[in-house]
């Protein structure tokens, strides 16, 4: 079973994504801020990291830089999750070193397929 680390501070989005991922057969670890998410990733590196770009303690750029700058975590697919307009999201995710992005609000019908594609 693949593990997904989700860094998300919005309780509604967190519950929705967690349910969809668990229904899709994934093990989900949730952190509601950047610092606890980074610690969780270092303790047990996941197969994929979903990163809300607007966390309360560390901004998405900082968290992405720390993940991609770590020899232990750099190989893990990192996906930005953001409410930015699509063109901005694609540009910012690439600039921050993310492997892709997902737009909020999450589309419940396509979410699992999008996650599968990042893990393929």
PDB file of N, CA and C in Angstrom:
ATOM      1  N   UNK A   1       0.847  -1.175   0.000  1.00  0.00           N
ATOM      2  CA  UNK A   1       0.000   0.000   0.000  1.00  0.00           C
ATOM      3  C   UNK A   1       0.898   1.246   0.000  1.00  0.00           C
ATOM      4  N   UNK A   2       0.642   2.132  -0.933  1.00  0.00           N
ATOM      5  CA  UNK A   2       1.436   3.359  -1.027  1.00  0.00           C
ATOM      6  C   UNK A   2       0.954   4.383  -0.009  1.00  0.00           C
ATOM      7  N   UNK A   3       1.927   5.171   0.479  1.00  0.00           N
ATOM      8  CA  UNK A   3       1.633   6.186   1.488  1.00  0.00           C
ATOM      9  C   UNK A   3       1.731   7.572   0.886  1.00  0.00           C
ATOM     10  N   UNK A   4       0.739   8.386   1.188  1.00  0.00           N
ATOM     11  CA  UNK A   4       0.721   9.776   0.739  1.00  0.00           C
ATOM     12  C   UNK A   4       0.753  10.676   1.967  1.00  0.00           C
ATOM     13  N   UNK A   5       1.706  11.584   1.974  1.00  0.00           N
ATOM     14  CA  UNK A   5       1.778  12.603   3.019  1.00  0.00           C
ATOM     15  C   UNK A   5       1.071  13.838   2.484  1.00  0.00           C
ATOM     16  N   UNK A   6       0.091  14.294   3.223  1.00  0.00           N
ATOM     17  CA  UNK A   6      -0.704  15.440   2.803  1.00  0.00           C
ATOM     18  C   UNK A   6      -0.484  16.582   3.792  1.00  0.00           C
ATOM     19  N   UNK A   7       0.080  17.675   3.308  1.00  0.00           N
ATOM     20  CA  UNK A   7       0.260  18.875   4.120  1.00  0.00           C
ATOM     21  C   UNK A   7      -0.868  19.825   3.750  1.00  0.00           C
ATOM     22  N   UNK A   8      -1.867  19.897   4.605  1.00  0.00           N
ATOM     23  CA  UNK A   8      -3.082  20.669   4.310  1.00  0.00           C
ATOM     24  C   UNK A   8      -3.657  21.209   5.613  1.00  0.00           C
ATOM     25  N   UNK A   9      -3.870  22.526   5.684  1.00  0.00           N
ATOM     26  CA  UNK A   9      -4.379  23.129   6.912  1.00  0.00           C
ATOM     27  C   UNK A   9      -5.886  23.361   6.899  1.00  0.00           C
ATOM     28  N   UNK A  10      -6.532  23.252   5.762  1.00  0.00           N
ATOM     29  CA  UNK A  10      -7.977  23.453   5.690  1.00  0.00           C
ATOM     30  C   UNK A  10      -8.676  22.142   6.075  1.00  0.00           C
ATOM     31  N   UNK A  11      -9.430  22.133   7.178  1.00  0.00           N
ATOM     32  CA  UNK A  11     -10.046  20.883   7.646  1.00  0.00           C
ATOM     33  C   UNK A  11     -10.988  20.240   6.624  1.00  0.00           C
ATOM     34  N   UNK A  12     -11.755  21.053   5.899  1.00  0.00           N
ATOM     35  CA  UNK A  12     -12.676  20.500   4.904  1.00  0.00           C
ATOM     36  C   UNK A  12     -11.902  19.812   3.778  1.00  0.00           C
ATOM     37  N   UNK A  13     -10.924  20.518   3.206  1.00  0.00           N
ATOM     38  CA  UNK A  13     -10.132  19.935   2.122  1.00  0.00           C
ATOM     39  C   UNK A  13      -9.388  18.689   2.597  1.00  0.00           C
ATOM     40  N   UNK A  14      -8.866  18.758   3.811  1.00  0.00           N
ATOM     41  CA  UNK A  14      -8.126  17.640   4.377  1.00  0.00           C
ATOM     42  C   UNK A  14      -9.003  16.392   4.486  1.00  0.00           C
ATOM     43  N   UNK A  15     -10.207  16.564   5.035  1.00  0.00           N
ATOM     44  CA  UNK A  15     -11.128  15.421   5.176  1.00  0.00           C
ATOM     45  C   UNK A  15     -11.510  14.858   3.817  1.00  0.00           C
ATOM     46  N   UNK A  16     -11.843  15.746   2.884  1.00  0.00           N
ATOM     47  CA  UNK A  16     -12.254  15.302   1.552  1.00  0.00           C
ATOM     48  C   UNK A  16     -11.132  14.523   0.872  1.00  0.00           C
ATOM     49  N   UNK A  17      -9.943  15.101   0.835  1.00  0.00           N
ATOM     50  CA  UNK A  17      -8.833  14.426   0.154  1.00  0.00           C
ATOM     51  C   UNK A  17      -8.481  13.120   0.847  1.00  0.00           C
ATOM     52  N   UNK A  18      -8.491  13.122   2.169  1.00  0.00           N
ATOM     53  CA  UNK A  18      -8.168  11.898   2.905  1.00  0.00           C
ATOM     54  C   UNK A  18      -9.147  10.778   2.560  1.00  0.00           C
ATOM     55  N   UNK A  19     -10.438  11.104   2.581  1.00  0.00           N
ATOM     56  CA  UNK A  19     -11.450  10.084   2.250  1.00  0.00           C
ATOM     57  C   UNK A  19     -11.256   9.537   0.844  1.00  0.00           C
ATOM     58  N   UNK A  20     -11.040  10.435  -0.101  1.00  0.00           N
ATOM     59  CA  UNK A  20     -10.860  10.000  -1.489  1.00  0.00           C
ATOM     60  C   UNK A  20      -9.616   9.126  -1.640  1.00  0.00           C
ATOM     61  N   UNK A  21      -8.541   9.516  -0.981  1.00  0.00           N
ATOM     62  CA  UNK A  21      -7.298   8.743  -1.073  1.00  0.00           C
ATOM     63  C   UNK A  21      -7.436   7.382  -0.402  1.00  0.00           C
ATOM     64  N   UNK A  22      -8.021   7.355   0.777  1.00  0.00           N
ATOM     65  CA  UNK A  22      -8.203   6.080   1.466  1.00  0.00           C
ATOM     66  C   UNK A  22      -9.132   5.166   0.675  1.00  0.00           C
ATOM     67  N   UNK A  23     -10.165   5.739   0.081  1.00  0.00           N
ATOM     68  CA  UNK A  23     -11.075   4.963  -0.765  1.00  0.00           C
ATOM     69  C   UNK A  23     -10.324   4.400  -1.983  1.00  0.00           C
ATOM     70  N   UNK A  24      -9.313   5.140  -2.428  1.00  0.00           N
ATOM     71  CA  UNK A  24      -8.499   4.690  -3.554  1.00  0.00           C
ATOM     72  C   UNK A  24      -7.417   3.682  -3.166  1.00  0.00           C
ATOM     73  N   UNK A  25      -7.365   3.327  -1.885  1.00  0.00           N
ATOM     74  CA  UNK A  25      -6.430   2.300  -1.448  1.00  0.00           C
ATOM     75  C   UNK A  25      -5.098   2.817  -0.932  1.00  0.00           C
ATOM     76  N   UNK A  26      -5.016   4.094  -0.670  1.00  0.00           N
ATOM     77  CA  UNK A  26      -3.774   4.680  -0.172  1.00  0.00           C
ATOM     78  C   UNK A  26      -3.799   4.808   1.347  1.00  0.00           C
ATOM     79  N   UNK A  27      -2.622   4.733   1.933  1.00  0.00           N
ATOM     80  CA  UNK A  27      -2.442   5.075   3.351  1.00  0.00           C
ATOM     81  C   UNK A  27      -2.151   6.570   3.365  1.00  0.00           C
ATOM     82  N   UNK A  28      -2.804   7.315   4.246  1.00  0.00           N
ATOM     83  CA  UNK A  28      -2.679   8.771   4.262  1.00  0.00           C
ATOM     84  C   UNK A  28      -2.160   9.240   5.612  1.00  0.00           C
ATOM     85  N   UNK A  29      -1.127  10.082   5.562  1.00  0.00           N
ATOM     86  CA  UNK A  29      -0.606  10.750   6.745  1.00  0.00           C
ATOM     87  C   UNK A  29      -0.888  12.230   6.534  1.00  0.00           C
ATOM     88  N   UNK A  30      -1.498  12.866   7.540  1.00  0.00           N
ATOM     89  CA  UNK A  30      -1.885  14.262   7.412  1.00  0.00           C
ATOM     90  C   UNK A  30      -1.083  15.128   8.374  1.00  0.00           C
ATOM     91  N   UNK A  31      -0.605  16.249   7.859  1.00  0.00           N
ATOM     92  CA  UNK A  31       0.035  17.270   8.686  1.00  0.00           C
ATOM     93  C   UNK A  31      -0.641  18.585   8.343  1.00  0.00           C
ATOM     94  N   UNK A  32      -0.935  19.389   9.367  1.00  0.00           N
ATOM     95  CA  UNK A  32      -1.651  20.633   9.095  1.00  0.00           C
ATOM     96  C   UNK A  32      -0.751  21.862   9.053  1.00  0.00           C
ATOM     97  N   UNK A  33       0.562  21.640   9.056  1.00  0.00           N
ATOM     98  CA  UNK A  33       1.500  22.741   8.857  1.00  0.00           C
ATOM     99  C   UNK A  33       2.801  22.205   8.268  1.00  0.00           C
ATOM    100  N   UNK A  34       3.625  23.112   7.791  1.00  0.00           N
ATOM    101  CA  UNK A  34       4.853  22.717   7.107  1.00  0.00           C
ATOM    102  C   UNK A  34       5.857  22.014   7.998  1.00  0.00           C
ATOM    103  N   UNK A  35       6.030  22.525   9.209  1.00  0.00           N
ATOM    104  CA  UNK A  35       7.025  21.943  10.102  1.00  0.00           C
ATOM    105  C   UNK A  35       6.700  20.497  10.472  1.00  0.00           C
ATOM    106  N   UNK A  36       5.452  20.236  10.859  1.00  0.00           N
ATOM    107  CA  UNK A  36       5.095  18.858  11.207  1.00  0.00           C
ATOM    108  C   UNK A  36       5.104  17.956   9.978  1.00  0.00           C
ATOM    109  N   UNK A  37       4.781  18.517   8.813  1.00  0.00           N
ATOM    110  CA  UNK A  37       4.843  17.738   7.576  1.00  0.00           C
ATOM    111  C   UNK A  37       6.264  17.337   7.222  1.00  0.00           C
ATOM    112  N   UNK A  38       7.196  18.268   7.382  1.00  0.00           N
ATOM    113  CA  UNK A  38       8.602  17.951   7.115  1.00  0.00           C
ATOM    114  C   UNK A  38       9.114  16.885   8.073  1.00  0.00           C
ATOM    115  N   UNK A  39       8.739  16.998   9.347  1.00  0.00           N
ATOM    116  CA  UNK A  39       9.154  15.992  10.332  1.00  0.00           C
ATOM    117  C   UNK A  39       8.594  14.618   9.971  1.00  0.00           C
ATOM    118  N   UNK A  40       7.320  14.572   9.599  1.00  0.00           N
ATOM    119  CA  UNK A  40       6.687  13.310   9.226  1.00  0.00           C
ATOM    120  C   UNK A  40       7.382  12.685   8.021  1.00  0.00           C
ATOM    121  N   UNK A  41       7.744  13.509   7.053  1.00  0.00           N
ATOM    122  CA  UNK A  41       8.418  13.010   5.849  1.00  0.00           C
ATOM    123  C   UNK A  41       9.792  12.436   6.187  1.00  0.00           C
ATOM    124  N   UNK A  42      10.493  13.067   7.120  1.00  0.00           N
ATOM    125  CA  UNK A  42      11.830  12.595   7.489  1.00  0.00           C
ATOM    126  C   UNK A  42      11.766  11.296   8.299  1.00  0.00           C
ATOM    127  N   UNK A  43      10.750  11.156   9.129  1.00  0.00           N
ATOM    128  CA  UNK A  43      10.611   9.960   9.968  1.00  0.00           C
ATOM    129  C   UNK A  43      10.224   8.746   9.118  1.00  0.00           C
ATOM    130  N   UNK A  44       9.292   8.938   8.207  1.00  0.00           N
ATOM    131  CA  UNK A  44       8.815   7.840   7.361  1.00  0.00           C
ATOM    132  C   UNK A  44       8.538   8.397   5.970  1.00  0.00           C
ATOM    133  N   UNK A  45       9.553   8.427   5.099  1.00  0.00           N
ATOM    134  CA  UNK A  45       9.359   8.995   3.754  1.00  0.00           C
ATOM    135  C   UNK A  45       8.186   8.344   3.012  1.00  0.00           C
ATOM    136  N   UNK A  46       7.258   9.175   2.532  1.00  0.00           N
ATOM    137  CA  UNK A  46       6.093   8.655   1.811  1.00  0.00           C
ATOM    138  C   UNK A  46       6.409   8.388   0.345  1.00  0.00           C
ATOM    139  N   UNK A  47       5.413   7.894  -0.370  1.00  0.00           N
ATOM    140  CA  UNK A  47       5.552   7.655  -1.808  1.00  0.00           C
ATOM    141  C   UNK A  47       5.199   8.901  -2.618  1.00  0.00           C
ATOM    142  N   UNK A  48       4.449   9.821  -2.010  1.00  0.00           N
ATOM    143  CA  UNK A  48       4.011  11.047  -2.670  1.00  0.00           C
ATOM    144  C   UNK A  48       3.714  12.080  -1.594  1.00  0.00           C
ATOM    145  N   UNK A  49       3.998  13.346  -1.900  1.00  0.00           N
ATOM    146  CA  UNK A  49       3.675  14.432  -0.980  1.00  0.00           C
ATOM    147  C   UNK A  49       2.750  15.414  -1.685  1.00  0.00           C
ATOM    148  N   UNK A  50       1.606  15.691  -1.049  1.00  0.00           N
ATOM    149  CA  UNK A  50       0.683  16.723  -1.509  1.00  0.00           C
ATOM    150  C   UNK A  50       0.905  17.938  -0.625  1.00  0.00           C
ATOM    151  N   UNK A  51       1.248  19.063  -1.235  1.00  0.00           N
ATOM    152  CA  UNK A  51       1.634  20.259  -0.495  1.00  0.00           C
ATOM    153  C   UNK A  51       0.699  21.421  -0.772  1.00  0.00           C
ATOM    154  N   UNK A  52      -0.087  21.786   0.242  1.00  0.00           N
ATOM    155  CA  UNK A  52      -0.892  23.007   0.171  1.00  0.00           C
ATOM    156  C   UNK A  52       0.099  24.163   0.128  1.00  0.00           C
ATOM    157  N   UNK A  53      -0.034  25.028  -0.843  1.00  0.00           N
ATOM    158  CA  UNK A  53       0.931  26.111  -1.001  1.00  0.00           C
ATOM    159  C   UNK A  53       0.694  27.269  -0.034  1.00  0.00           C
ATOM    160  N   UNK A  54      -0.392  27.221   0.727  1.00  0.00           N
ATOM    161  CA  UNK A  54      -0.694  28.291   1.661  1.00  0.00           C
ATOM    162  C   UNK A  54      -0.781  27.809   3.093  1.00  0.00           C
ATOM    163  N   UNK A  55       0.272  27.193   3.588  1.00  0.00           N
ATOM    164  CA  UNK A  55       0.282  26.704   4.967  1.00  0.00           C
ATOM    165  C   UNK A  55       0.479  27.858   5.949  1.00  0.00           C
ATOM    166  N   UNK A  56       0.054  27.684   7.206  1.00  0.00           N
ATOM    167  CA  UNK A  56       0.105  28.791   8.160  1.00  0.00           C
ATOM    168  C   UNK A  56       1.499  29.142   8.685  1.00  0.00           C
ATOM    169  N   UNK A  57       2.421  28.201   8.698  1.00  0.00           N
ATOM    170  CA  UNK A  57       3.722  28.481   9.316  1.00  0.00           C
ATOM    171  C   UNK A  57       4.830  28.739   8.298  1.00  0.00           C
ATOM    172  N   UNK A  58       4.950  27.880   7.328  1.00  0.00           N
ATOM    173  CA  UNK A  58       5.965  28.015   6.273  1.00  0.00           C
ATOM    174  C   UNK A  58       5.245  28.097   4.939  1.00  0.00           C
ATOM    175  N   UNK A  59       5.686  28.985   4.057  1.00  0.00           N
ATOM    176  CA  UNK A  59       5.018  29.060   2.758  1.00  0.00           C
ATOM    177  C   UNK A  59       5.411  27.863   1.893  1.00  0.00           C
ATOM    178  N   UNK A  60       4.609  27.625   0.876  1.00  0.00           N
ATOM    179  CA  UNK A  60       4.830  26.473   0.004  1.00  0.00           C
ATOM    180  C   UNK A  60       6.197  26.457  -0.646  1.00  0.00           C
ATOM    181  N   UNK A  61       6.694  27.614  -1.028  1.00  0.00           N
ATOM    182  CA  UNK A  61       8.009  27.688  -1.657  1.00  0.00           C
ATOM    183  C   UNK A  61       9.090  27.196  -0.699  1.00  0.00           C
ATOM    184  N   UNK A  62       9.008  27.580   0.555  1.00  0.00           N
ATOM    185  CA  UNK A  62       9.998  27.155   1.543  1.00  0.00           C
ATOM    186  C   UNK A  62       9.928  25.653   1.769  1.00  0.00           C
ATOM    187  N   UNK A  63       8.724  25.132   1.958  1.00  0.00           N
ATOM    188  CA  UNK A  63       8.562  23.697   2.198  1.00  0.00           C
ATOM    189  C   UNK A  63       9.041  22.904   0.980  1.00  0.00           C
ATOM    190  N   UNK A  64       8.652  23.335  -0.215  1.00  0.00           N
ATOM    191  CA  UNK A  64       9.088  22.640  -1.432  1.00  0.00           C
ATOM    192  C   UNK A  64      10.600  22.660  -1.542  1.00  0.00           C
ATOM    193  N   UNK A  65      11.230  23.795  -1.246  1.00  0.00           N
ATOM    194  CA  UNK A  65      12.686  23.894  -1.303  1.00  0.00           C
ATOM    195  C   UNK A  65      13.363  22.967  -0.323  1.00  0.00           C
ATOM    196  N   UNK A  66      12.811  22.857   0.881  1.00  0.00           N
ATOM    197  CA  UNK A  66      13.390  21.968   1.890  1.00  0.00           C
ATOM    198  C   UNK A  66      13.243  20.501   1.483  1.00  0.00           C
ATOM    199  N   UNK A  67      12.100  20.156   0.909  1.00  0.00           N
ATOM    200  CA  UNK A  67      11.889  18.772   0.467  1.00  0.00           C
ATOM    201  C   UNK A  67      12.824  18.438  -0.694  1.00  0.00           C
ATOM    202  N   UNK A  68      12.840  19.277  -1.706  1.00  0.00           N
ATOM    203  CA  UNK A  68      13.658  18.995  -2.888  1.00  0.00           C
ATOM    204  C   UNK A  68      15.148  19.165  -2.614  1.00  0.00           C
ATOM    205  N   UNK A  69      15.500  19.873  -1.538  1.00  0.00           N
ATOM    206  CA  UNK A  69      16.899  20.042  -1.167  1.00  0.00           C
ATOM    207  C   UNK A  69      17.421  18.950  -0.264  1.00  0.00           C
ATOM    208  N   UNK A  70      16.543  18.052   0.161  1.00  0.00           N
ATOM    209  CA  UNK A  70      16.927  16.955   1.053  1.00  0.00           C
ATOM    210  C   UNK A  70      17.256  15.707   0.235  1.00  0.00           C
ATOM    211  N   UNK A  71      18.439  15.165   0.436  1.00  0.00           N
ATOM    212  CA  UNK A  71      18.813  13.953  -0.301  1.00  0.00           C
ATOM    213  C   UNK A  71      17.879  12.791   0.039  1.00  0.00           C
ATOM    214  N   UNK A  72      17.274  12.837   1.207  1.00  0.00           N
ATOM    215  CA  UNK A  72      16.375  11.770   1.643  1.00  0.00           C
ATOM    216  C   UNK A  72      14.981  11.888   1.002  1.00  0.00           C
ATOM    217  N   UNK A  73      14.589  13.111   0.619  1.00  0.00           N
ATOM    218  CA  UNK A  73      13.226  13.338   0.142  1.00  0.00           C
ATOM    219  C   UNK A  73      13.123  13.799  -1.314  1.00  0.00           C
ATOM    220  N   UNK A  74      14.219  14.231  -1.901  1.00  0.00           N
ATOM    221  CA  UNK A  74      14.182  14.862  -3.227  1.00  0.00           C
ATOM    222  C   UNK A  74      13.554  13.988  -4.313  1.00  0.00           C
ATOM    223  N   UNK A  75      13.671  12.675  -4.183  1.00  0.00           N
ATOM    224  CA  UNK A  75      13.156  11.763  -5.214  1.00  0.00           C
ATOM    225  C   UNK A  75      11.636  11.553  -5.129  1.00  0.00           C
ATOM    226  N   UNK A  76      11.034  11.987  -4.035  1.00  0.00           N
ATOM    227  CA  UNK A  76       9.599  11.759  -3.821  1.00  0.00           C
ATOM    228  C   UNK A  76       8.798  12.756  -4.662  1.00  0.00           C
ATOM    229  N   UNK A  77       7.814  12.278  -5.421  1.00  0.00           N
ATOM    230  CA  UNK A  77       6.984  13.210  -6.179  1.00  0.00           C
ATOM    231  C   UNK A  77       6.316  14.216  -5.242  1.00  0.00           C
ATOM    232  N   UNK A  78       6.418  15.486  -5.600  1.00  0.00           N
ATOM    233  CA  UNK A  78       5.866  16.577  -4.806  1.00  0.00           C
ATOM    234  C   UNK A  78       4.826  17.304  -5.656  1.00  0.00           C
ATOM    235  N   UNK A  79       3.599  17.352  -5.173  1.00  0.00           N
ATOM    236  CA  UNK A  79       2.498  17.934  -5.927  1.00  0.00           C
ATOM    237  C   UNK A  79       1.923  19.118  -5.157  1.00  0.00           C
ATOM    238  N   UNK A  80       1.952  20.284  -5.783  1.00  0.00           N
ATOM    239  CA  UNK A  80       1.359  21.480  -5.184  1.00  0.00           C
ATOM    240  C   UNK A  80      -0.162  21.374  -5.261  1.00  0.00           C
ATOM    241  N   UNK A  81      -0.815  21.761  -4.191  1.00  0.00           N
ATOM    242  CA  UNK A  81      -2.274  21.811  -4.166  1.00  0.00           C
ATOM    243  C   UNK A  81      -2.626  23.266  -3.871  1.00  0.00           C
ATOM    244  N   UNK A  82      -3.321  23.903  -4.810  1.00  0.00           N
ATOM    245  CA  UNK A  82      -3.500  25.342  -4.696  1.00  0.00           C
ATOM    246  C   UNK A  82      -4.797  25.835  -5.321  1.00  0.00           C
ATOM    247  N   UNK A  83      -5.239  26.977  -4.846  1.00  0.00           N
ATOM    248  CA  UNK A  83      -6.411  27.640  -5.420  1.00  0.00           C
ATOM    249  C   UNK A  83      -6.001  28.704  -6.435  1.00  0.00           C
ATOM    250  N   UNK A  84      -4.709  28.798  -6.737  1.00  0.00           N
ATOM    251  CA  UNK A  84      -4.247  29.751  -7.746  1.00  0.00           C
ATOM    252  C   UNK A  84      -4.903  29.442  -9.088  1.00  0.00           C
ATOM    253  N   UNK A  85      -5.053  30.443  -9.950  1.00  0.00           N
ATOM    254  CA  UNK A  85      -5.539  30.175 -11.314  1.00  0.00           C
ATOM    255  C   UNK A  85      -4.600  29.171 -11.995  1.00  0.00           C
ATOM    256  N   UNK A  86      -5.139  28.379 -12.895  1.00  0.00           N
ATOM    257  CA  UNK A  86      -4.402  27.267 -13.490  1.00  0.00           C
ATOM    258  C   UNK A  86      -3.061  27.672 -14.106  1.00  0.00           C
ATOM    259  N   UNK A  87      -3.022  28.775 -14.850  1.00  0.00           N
ATOM    260  CA  UNK A  87      -1.773  29.168 -15.488  1.00  0.00           C
ATOM    261  C   UNK A  87      -0.730  29.564 -14.455  1.00  0.00           C
ATOM    262  N   UNK A  88      -1.154  30.255 -13.408  1.00  0.00           N
ATOM    263  CA  UNK A  88      -0.243  30.653 -12.332  1.00  0.00           C
ATOM    264  C   UNK A  88       0.213  29.419 -11.563  1.00  0.00           C
ATOM    265  N   UNK A  89      -0.720  28.498 -11.295  1.00  0.00           N
ATOM    266  CA  UNK A  89      -0.393  27.277 -10.549  1.00  0.00           C
ATOM    267  C   UNK A  89       0.680  26.467 -11.261  1.00  0.00           C
ATOM    268  N   UNK A  90       0.537  26.299 -12.558  1.00  0.00           N
ATOM    269  CA  UNK A  90       1.522  25.519 -13.321  1.00  0.00           C
ATOM    270  C   UNK A  90       2.894  26.182 -13.268  1.00  0.00           C
ATOM    271  N   UNK A  91       2.922  27.489 -13.449  1.00  0.00           N
ATOM    272  CA  UNK A  91       4.189  28.225 -13.449  1.00  0.00           C
ATOM    273  C   UNK A  91       4.844  28.194 -12.065  1.00  0.00           C
ATOM    274  N   UNK A  92       4.073  28.447 -11.023  1.00  0.00           N
ATOM    275  CA  UNK A  92       4.627  28.483  -9.669  1.00  0.00           C
ATOM    276  C   UNK A  92       5.076  27.098  -9.218  1.00  0.00           C
ATOM    277  N   UNK A  93       4.283  26.070  -9.507  1.00  0.00           N
ATOM    278  CA  UNK A  93       4.661  24.706  -9.118  1.00  0.00           C
ATOM    279  C   UNK A  93       5.993  24.329  -9.753  1.00  0.00           C
ATOM    280  N   UNK A  94       6.161  24.643 -11.013  1.00  0.00           N
ATOM    281  CA  UNK A  94       7.421  24.344 -11.700  1.00  0.00           C
ATOM    282  C   UNK A  94       8.566  25.149 -11.098  1.00  0.00           C
ATOM    283  N   UNK A  95       8.325  26.429 -10.821  1.00  0.00           N
ATOM    284  CA  UNK A  95       9.367  27.287 -10.256  1.00  0.00           C
ATOM    285  C   UNK A  95       9.805  26.808  -8.872  1.00  0.00           C
ATOM    286  N   UNK A  96       8.878  26.231  -8.125  1.00  0.00           N
ATOM    287  CA  UNK A  96       9.193  25.767  -6.767  1.00  0.00           C
ATOM    288  C   UNK A  96       9.782  24.358  -6.745  1.00  0.00           C
ATOM    289  N   UNK A  97       9.871  23.708  -7.898  1.00  0.00           N
ATOM    290  CA  UNK A  97      10.454  22.376  -7.951  1.00  0.00           C
ATOM    291  C   UNK A  97       9.451  21.256  -7.786  1.00  0.00           C
ATOM    292  N   UNK A  98       8.166  21.589  -7.843  1.00  0.00           N
ATOM    293  CA  UNK A  98       7.135  20.559  -7.714  1.00  0.00           C
ATOM    294  C   UNK A  98       7.038  19.752  -9.005  1.00  0.00           C
ATOM    295  N   UNK A  99       6.563  18.539  -8.871  1.00  0.00           N
ATOM    296  CA  UNK A  99       6.421  17.655 -10.024  1.00  0.00           C
ATOM    297  C   UNK A  99       5.094  17.851 -10.736  1.00  0.00           C
ATOM    298  N   UNK A 100       4.249  18.683 -10.179  1.00  0.00           N
ATOM    299  CA  UNK A 100       2.957  18.975 -10.772  1.00  0.00           C
ATOM    300  C   UNK A 100       2.099  19.710  -9.768  1.00  0.00           C
ATOM    301  N   UNK A 101       0.835  19.893 -10.120  1.00  0.00           N
ATOM    302  CA  UNK A 101      -0.082  20.608  -9.223  1.00  0.00           C
ATOM    303  C   UNK A 101      -1.492  20.070  -9.398  1.00  0.00           C
ATOM    304  N   UNK A 102      -2.298  20.303  -8.383  1.00  0.00           N
ATOM    305  CA  UNK A 102      -3.723  20.033  -8.414  1.00  0.00           C
ATOM    306  C   UNK A 102      -4.429  21.304  -7.983  1.00  0.00           C
ATOM    307  N   UNK A 103      -5.542  21.595  -8.623  1.00  0.00           N
ATOM    308  CA  UNK A 103      -6.290  22.809  -8.305  1.00  0.00           C
ATOM    309  C   UNK A 103      -7.351  22.546  -7.249  1.00  0.00           C
ATOM    310  N   UNK A 104      -7.519  23.546  -6.379  1.00  0.00           N
ATOM    311  CA  UNK A 104      -8.628  23.536  -5.427  1.00  0.00           C
ATOM    312  C   UNK A 104      -9.747  24.353  -6.034  1.00  0.00           C
ATOM    313  N   UNK A 105     -10.983  23.996  -5.812  1.00  0.00           N
ATOM    314  CA  UNK A 105     -11.387  22.842  -5.024  1.00  0.00           C
ATOM    315  C   UNK A 105     -11.093  21.542  -5.770  1.00  0.00           C
ATOM    316  N   UNK A 106     -10.824  20.511  -5.002  1.00  0.00           N
ATOM    317  CA  UNK A 106     -10.504  19.196  -5.558  1.00  0.00           C
ATOM    318  C   UNK A 106     -11.722  18.653  -6.307  1.00  0.00           C
ATOM    319  N   UNK A 107     -11.481  18.077  -7.460  1.00  0.00           N
ATOM    320  CA  UNK A 107     -12.540  17.422  -8.222  1.00  0.00           C
ATOM    321  C   UNK A 107     -12.604  15.965  -7.749  1.00  0.00           C
ATOM    322  N   UNK A 108     -13.630  15.630  -7.001  1.00  0.00           N
ATOM    323  CA  UNK A 108     -13.744  14.299  -6.406  1.00  0.00           C
ATOM    324  C   UNK A 108     -13.761  13.190  -7.453  1.00  0.00           C
ATOM    325  N   UNK A 109     -14.266  13.467  -8.629  1.00  0.00           N
ATOM    326  CA  UNK A 109     -14.363  12.431  -9.670  1.00  0.00           C
ATOM    327  C   UNK A 109     -13.013  12.101 -10.303  1.00  0.00           C
ATOM    328  N   UNK A 110     -12.130  13.078 -10.415  1.00  0.00           N
ATOM    329  CA  UNK A 110     -10.862  12.836 -11.102  1.00  0.00           C
ATOM    330  C   UNK A 110      -9.658  12.761 -10.161  1.00  0.00           C
ATOM    331  N   UNK A 111      -9.856  13.047  -8.870  1.00  0.00           N
ATOM    332  CA  UNK A 111      -8.747  13.146  -7.924  1.00  0.00           C
ATOM    333  C   UNK A 111      -7.907  11.863  -7.866  1.00  0.00           C
ATOM    334  N   UNK A 112      -8.552  10.715  -7.708  1.00  0.00           N
ATOM    335  CA  UNK A 112      -7.813   9.454  -7.582  1.00  0.00           C
ATOM    336  C   UNK A 112      -6.989   9.166  -8.847  1.00  0.00           C
ATOM    337  N   UNK A 113      -7.542   9.444 -10.023  1.00  0.00           N
ATOM    338  CA  UNK A 113      -6.822   9.211 -11.272  1.00  0.00           C
ATOM    339  C   UNK A 113      -5.614  10.151 -11.378  1.00  0.00           C
ATOM    340  N   UNK A 114      -5.786  11.385 -10.916  1.00  0.00           N
ATOM    341  CA  UNK A 114      -4.676  12.344 -10.945  1.00  0.00           C
ATOM    342  C   UNK A 114      -3.547  11.874 -10.017  1.00  0.00           C
ATOM    343  N   UNK A 115      -3.905  11.370  -8.842  1.00  0.00           N
ATOM    344  CA  UNK A 115      -2.914  10.856  -7.904  1.00  0.00           C
ATOM    345  C   UNK A 115      -2.214   9.643  -8.499  1.00  0.00           C
ATOM    346  N   UNK A 116      -2.991   8.732  -9.065  1.00  0.00           N
ATOM    347  CA  UNK A 116      -2.407   7.542  -9.716  1.00  0.00           C
ATOM    348  C   UNK A 116      -1.373   7.943 -10.760  1.00  0.00           C
ATOM    349  N   UNK A 117      -1.678   8.977 -11.540  1.00  0.00           N
ATOM    350  CA  UNK A 117      -0.767   9.421 -12.598  1.00  0.00           C
ATOM    351  C   UNK A 117       0.545   9.931 -12.025  1.00  0.00           C
ATOM    352  N   UNK A 118       0.502  10.649 -10.898  1.00  0.00           N
ATOM    353  CA  UNK A 118       1.731  11.136 -10.284  1.00  0.00           C
ATOM    354  C   UNK A 118       2.582  10.003  -9.737  1.00  0.00           C
ATOM    355  N   UNK A 119       1.949   8.879  -9.383  1.00  0.00           N
ATOM    356  CA  UNK A 119       2.684   7.746  -8.828  1.00  0.00           C
ATOM    357  C   UNK A 119       3.121   6.746  -9.889  1.00  0.00           C
ATOM    358  N   UNK A 120       2.652   6.918 -11.109  1.00  0.00           N
ATOM    359  CA  UNK A 120       2.972   5.952 -12.179  1.00  0.00           C
ATOM    360  C   UNK A 120       4.442   6.043 -12.585  1.00  0.00           C
TER     361      UNK A 120
END
